[in-house]
């Protein structure tokens, strides 16, 4: 899967488009300050459900945070659940 990333300095997202260019999965964030982003939305098309796509998106977001020395505040219900469920994997980036 070739995830793409966009960031305009105020908000950003990791996403996946299908071959027709249609969005089929995304995780978005908003910059809170220069050290913190807020993970506010995760969405996966029904055709990809059950394939671990949301977790892959979250892993990309977490890696981005690690590379930039950022913390992630979770307001998205999926990210909140995953931060609790797999707290060891995200302890270094969870705010």
N, C-alpha and C. Protein backbone atom coordinates (compact mmCIF):
# COMPACT_ATOMS: atom_id res chain seq x y z
N UNK A 1 0.84 -1.17 0.00
CA UNK A 1 0.00 0.00 0.00
C UNK A 1 0.89 1.24 0.00
N UNK A 2 0.55 2.16 -0.84
CA UNK A 2 1.32 3.39 -0.95
C UNK A 2 0.54 4.55 -0.31
N UNK A 3 0.77 4.75 0.97
CA UNK A 3 0.10 5.84 1.66
C UNK A 3 0.71 7.17 1.26
N UNK A 4 -0.13 8.17 1.17
CA UNK A 4 0.33 9.51 0.85
C UNK A 4 0.16 10.38 2.08
N UNK A 5 0.90 11.49 2.11
CA UNK A 5 0.84 12.41 3.23
C UNK A 5 0.76 13.83 2.71
N UNK A 6 -0.13 14.59 3.30
CA UNK A 6 -0.25 16.02 3.00
C UNK A 6 -0.25 16.78 4.31
N UNK A 7 0.41 17.92 4.34
CA UNK A 7 0.44 18.77 5.52
C UNK A 7 0.59 20.21 5.05
N UNK A 8 -0.31 21.08 5.49
CA UNK A 8 -0.22 22.49 5.08
C UNK A 8 0.25 23.40 6.21
N UNK A 9 0.74 22.82 7.30
CA UNK A 9 1.21 23.61 8.42
C UNK A 9 0.16 23.86 9.49
N UNK A 10 -1.10 23.67 9.14
CA UNK A 10 -2.20 23.80 10.11
C UNK A 10 -2.85 22.46 10.36
N UNK A 11 -2.91 21.63 9.32
CA UNK A 11 -3.52 20.31 9.43
C UNK A 11 -2.87 19.39 8.40
N UNK A 12 -3.09 18.12 8.60
CA UNK A 12 -2.51 17.16 7.66
C UNK A 12 -3.26 15.85 7.70
N UNK A 13 -2.85 14.94 6.82
CA UNK A 13 -3.49 13.63 6.76
C UNK A 13 -2.60 12.64 6.05
N UNK A 14 -2.75 11.40 6.46
CA UNK A 14 -2.20 10.27 5.74
C UNK A 14 -3.40 9.61 5.08
N UNK A 15 -3.25 9.19 3.83
CA UNK A 15 -4.41 8.66 3.13
C UNK A 15 -3.99 7.67 2.05
N UNK A 16 -4.98 6.96 1.57
CA UNK A 16 -4.80 5.98 0.51
C UNK A 16 -5.91 6.20 -0.51
N UNK A 17 -5.53 6.29 -1.76
CA UNK A 17 -6.49 6.40 -2.86
C UNK A 17 -6.47 5.10 -3.65
N UNK A 18 -7.60 4.77 -4.25
CA UNK A 18 -7.64 3.60 -5.12
C UNK A 18 -7.08 3.96 -6.50
N UNK A 19 -7.10 3.02 -7.40
CA UNK A 19 -6.54 3.24 -8.73
C UNK A 19 -7.28 4.31 -9.52
N UNK A 20 -8.52 4.57 -9.16
CA UNK A 20 -9.30 5.60 -9.83
C UNK A 20 -9.12 6.98 -9.18
N UNK A 21 -8.28 7.05 -8.16
CA UNK A 21 -8.01 8.31 -7.49
C UNK A 21 -9.00 8.66 -6.40
N UNK A 22 -9.88 7.72 -6.04
CA UNK A 22 -10.85 7.97 -4.99
C UNK A 22 -10.26 7.62 -3.63
N UNK A 23 -10.53 8.45 -2.65
CA UNK A 23 -10.06 8.21 -1.29
C UNK A 23 -10.73 6.97 -0.72
N UNK A 24 -9.92 6.07 -0.15
CA UNK A 24 -10.49 4.85 0.45
C UNK A 24 -10.08 4.66 1.91
N UNK A 25 -9.16 5.49 2.39
CA UNK A 25 -8.78 5.42 3.81
C UNK A 25 -8.03 6.70 4.17
N UNK A 26 -8.22 7.16 5.43
CA UNK A 26 -7.54 8.37 5.86
C UNK A 26 -7.47 8.47 7.37
N UNK A 27 -6.44 9.15 7.83
CA UNK A 27 -6.34 9.58 9.22
C UNK A 27 -5.86 11.02 9.17
N UNK A 28 -6.56 11.89 9.89
CA UNK A 28 -6.23 13.31 9.81
C UNK A 28 -5.82 13.85 11.18
N UNK A 29 -5.11 14.96 11.13
CA UNK A 29 -4.65 15.61 12.36
C UNK A 29 -4.64 17.12 12.15
N UNK A 30 -4.63 17.81 13.28
CA UNK A 30 -4.56 19.27 13.31
C UNK A 30 -3.37 19.63 14.20
N UNK A 31 -2.60 20.60 13.79
CA UNK A 31 -1.49 21.07 14.62
C UNK A 31 -2.05 21.85 15.80
N UNK A 32 -1.67 21.47 17.01
CA UNK A 32 -2.05 22.21 18.20
C UNK A 32 -1.01 23.29 18.49
N UNK A 33 0.25 22.90 18.40
CA UNK A 33 1.39 23.81 18.52
C UNK A 33 2.57 23.13 17.84
N UNK A 34 3.75 23.67 17.97
CA UNK A 34 4.88 23.11 17.23
C UNK A 34 5.34 21.74 17.75
N UNK A 35 4.82 21.33 18.91
CA UNK A 35 5.21 20.06 19.50
C UNK A 35 4.09 19.03 19.56
N UNK A 36 2.89 19.42 19.18
CA UNK A 36 1.72 18.57 19.41
C UNK A 36 0.77 18.60 18.23
N UNK A 37 0.28 17.41 17.86
CA UNK A 37 -0.78 17.31 16.86
C UNK A 37 -1.97 16.60 17.50
N UNK A 38 -3.14 16.88 16.96
CA UNK A 38 -4.38 16.28 17.46
C UNK A 38 -4.91 15.34 16.38
N UNK A 39 -4.93 14.05 16.68
CA UNK A 39 -5.50 13.05 15.76
C UNK A 39 -7.01 13.13 15.92
N UNK A 40 -7.69 13.65 14.88
CA UNK A 40 -9.10 13.95 15.04
C UNK A 40 -10.06 13.11 14.19
N UNK A 41 -9.52 12.28 13.29
CA UNK A 41 -10.44 11.54 12.42
C UNK A 41 -9.73 10.37 11.77
N UNK A 42 -10.39 9.22 11.75
CA UNK A 42 -9.91 8.05 11.02
C UNK A 42 -11.10 7.47 10.27
N UNK A 43 -10.88 7.14 9.00
CA UNK A 43 -11.96 6.56 8.20
C UNK A 43 -11.36 5.55 7.22
N UNK A 44 -12.05 4.41 7.10
CA UNK A 44 -11.66 3.36 6.15
C UNK A 44 -12.91 2.93 5.40
N UNK A 45 -12.81 2.86 4.09
CA UNK A 45 -13.92 2.41 3.26
C UNK A 45 -14.33 0.99 3.65
N UNK A 46 -15.62 0.71 3.54
CA UNK A 46 -16.14 -0.62 3.89
C UNK A 46 -15.41 -1.74 3.17
N UNK A 47 -14.96 -1.50 1.95
CA UNK A 47 -14.29 -2.55 1.18
C UNK A 47 -12.96 -2.98 1.80
N UNK A 48 -12.41 -2.17 2.71
CA UNK A 48 -11.13 -2.48 3.33
C UNK A 48 -11.25 -2.87 4.80
N UNK A 49 -12.43 -2.86 5.33
CA UNK A 49 -12.61 -3.14 6.75
C UNK A 49 -12.13 -4.55 7.09
N UNK A 50 -11.56 -4.66 8.27
CA UNK A 50 -11.08 -5.96 8.75
C UNK A 50 -9.71 -6.33 8.22
N UNK A 51 -9.05 -5.44 7.52
CA UNK A 51 -7.74 -5.72 6.95
C UNK A 51 -6.61 -4.98 7.67
N UNK A 52 -6.93 -4.35 8.80
CA UNK A 52 -5.91 -3.64 9.56
C UNK A 52 -5.50 -2.30 8.96
N UNK A 53 -6.32 -1.76 8.10
CA UNK A 53 -5.98 -0.51 7.42
C UNK A 53 -5.91 0.66 8.39
N UNK A 54 -6.85 0.76 9.31
CA UNK A 54 -6.84 1.87 10.27
C UNK A 54 -5.57 1.82 11.11
N UNK A 55 -5.16 0.63 11.51
CA UNK A 55 -3.92 0.50 12.30
C UNK A 55 -2.71 0.93 11.47
N UNK A 56 -2.67 0.58 10.20
CA UNK A 56 -1.56 1.01 9.35
C UNK A 56 -1.51 2.52 9.24
N UNK A 57 -2.66 3.15 9.12
CA UNK A 57 -2.70 4.61 9.09
C UNK A 57 -2.18 5.20 10.40
N UNK A 58 -2.63 4.64 11.52
CA UNK A 58 -2.18 5.12 12.82
C UNK A 58 -0.68 4.90 12.98
N UNK A 59 -0.17 3.79 12.51
CA UNK A 59 1.28 3.53 12.58
C UNK A 59 2.06 4.57 11.78
N UNK A 60 1.54 4.96 10.62
CA UNK A 60 2.19 6.01 9.83
C UNK A 60 2.17 7.35 10.58
N UNK A 61 1.05 7.65 11.19
CA UNK A 61 0.96 8.89 11.96
C UNK A 61 1.93 8.87 13.14
N UNK A 62 2.01 7.75 13.83
CA UNK A 62 2.92 7.63 14.96
C UNK A 62 4.38 7.75 14.51
N UNK A 63 4.72 7.17 13.40
CA UNK A 63 6.08 7.28 12.88
C UNK A 63 6.41 8.72 12.51
N UNK A 64 5.47 9.41 11.92
CA UNK A 64 5.63 10.83 11.61
C UNK A 64 5.90 11.61 12.90
N UNK A 65 5.12 11.34 13.93
CA UNK A 65 5.30 12.02 15.21
C UNK A 65 6.68 11.72 15.79
N UNK A 66 7.13 10.49 15.69
CA UNK A 66 8.47 10.14 16.19
C UNK A 66 9.56 10.89 15.44
N UNK A 67 9.44 10.91 14.12
CA UNK A 67 10.44 11.59 13.30
C UNK A 67 10.53 13.08 13.62
N UNK A 68 9.40 13.69 13.96
CA UNK A 68 9.34 15.13 14.22
C UNK A 68 9.38 15.46 15.72
N UNK A 69 9.55 14.43 16.57
CA UNK A 69 9.54 14.60 18.03
C UNK A 69 8.26 15.28 18.52
N UNK A 70 7.13 14.76 18.04
CA UNK A 70 5.83 15.31 18.39
C UNK A 70 5.08 14.40 19.36
N UNK A 71 4.11 14.97 20.03
CA UNK A 71 3.16 14.21 20.83
C UNK A 71 1.81 14.27 20.11
N UNK A 72 1.02 13.22 20.30
CA UNK A 72 -0.30 13.13 19.67
C UNK A 72 -1.38 13.17 20.75
N UNK A 73 -2.29 14.11 20.62
CA UNK A 73 -3.50 14.13 21.44
C UNK A 73 -4.57 13.43 20.62
N UNK A 74 -5.21 12.45 21.23
CA UNK A 74 -6.24 11.69 20.52
C UNK A 74 -7.62 12.23 20.84
N UNK A 75 -8.32 12.70 19.81
CA UNK A 75 -9.74 13.03 19.96
C UNK A 75 -10.59 12.10 19.10
N UNK A 76 -9.96 11.43 18.15
CA UNK A 76 -10.62 10.43 17.32
C UNK A 76 -10.88 9.18 18.18
N UNK A 77 -12.09 8.64 18.12
CA UNK A 77 -12.43 7.49 18.95
C UNK A 77 -11.54 6.28 18.66
N UNK A 78 -11.19 6.05 17.41
CA UNK A 78 -10.32 4.92 17.08
C UNK A 78 -8.94 5.09 17.71
N UNK A 79 -8.37 6.27 17.58
CA UNK A 79 -7.04 6.51 18.13
C UNK A 79 -7.08 6.41 19.66
N UNK A 80 -8.11 6.92 20.29
CA UNK A 80 -8.26 6.79 21.74
C UNK A 80 -8.24 5.33 22.17
N UNK A 81 -9.02 4.51 21.49
CA UNK A 81 -9.09 3.09 21.81
C UNK A 81 -7.73 2.42 21.61
N UNK A 82 -7.07 2.72 20.52
CA UNK A 82 -5.78 2.08 20.24
C UNK A 82 -4.69 2.55 21.21
N UNK A 83 -4.71 3.80 21.61
CA UNK A 83 -3.74 4.28 22.60
C UNK A 83 -3.91 3.53 23.92
N UNK A 84 -5.15 3.18 24.27
CA UNK A 84 -5.39 2.41 25.50
C UNK A 84 -5.07 0.94 25.30
N UNK A 85 -5.51 0.38 24.18
CA UNK A 85 -5.35 -1.05 23.92
C UNK A 85 -3.89 -1.45 23.74
N UNK A 86 -3.12 -0.62 23.07
CA UNK A 86 -1.72 -0.93 22.78
C UNK A 86 -0.83 0.19 23.30
N UNK A 87 -0.98 0.47 24.59
CA UNK A 87 -0.31 1.62 25.17
C UNK A 87 1.21 1.56 25.06
N UNK A 88 1.78 0.36 25.10
CA UNK A 88 3.24 0.26 24.96
C UNK A 88 3.73 0.71 23.59
N UNK A 89 2.97 0.41 22.55
CA UNK A 89 3.39 0.77 21.20
C UNK A 89 3.34 2.28 20.97
N UNK A 90 2.49 2.97 21.71
CA UNK A 90 2.30 4.40 21.47
C UNK A 90 2.70 5.28 22.65
N UNK A 91 3.31 4.69 23.68
CA UNK A 91 3.65 5.45 24.88
C UNK A 91 4.55 6.64 24.59
N UNK A 92 5.42 6.51 23.61
CA UNK A 92 6.37 7.59 23.32
C UNK A 92 5.75 8.76 22.57
N UNK A 93 4.59 8.55 21.94
CA UNK A 93 3.97 9.64 21.17
C UNK A 93 2.65 10.12 21.75
N UNK A 94 2.05 9.35 22.63
CA UNK A 94 0.75 9.74 23.22
C UNK A 94 0.95 10.88 24.20
N UNK A 95 0.12 11.91 24.05
CA UNK A 95 0.22 13.08 24.96
C UNK A 95 -0.56 12.80 26.23
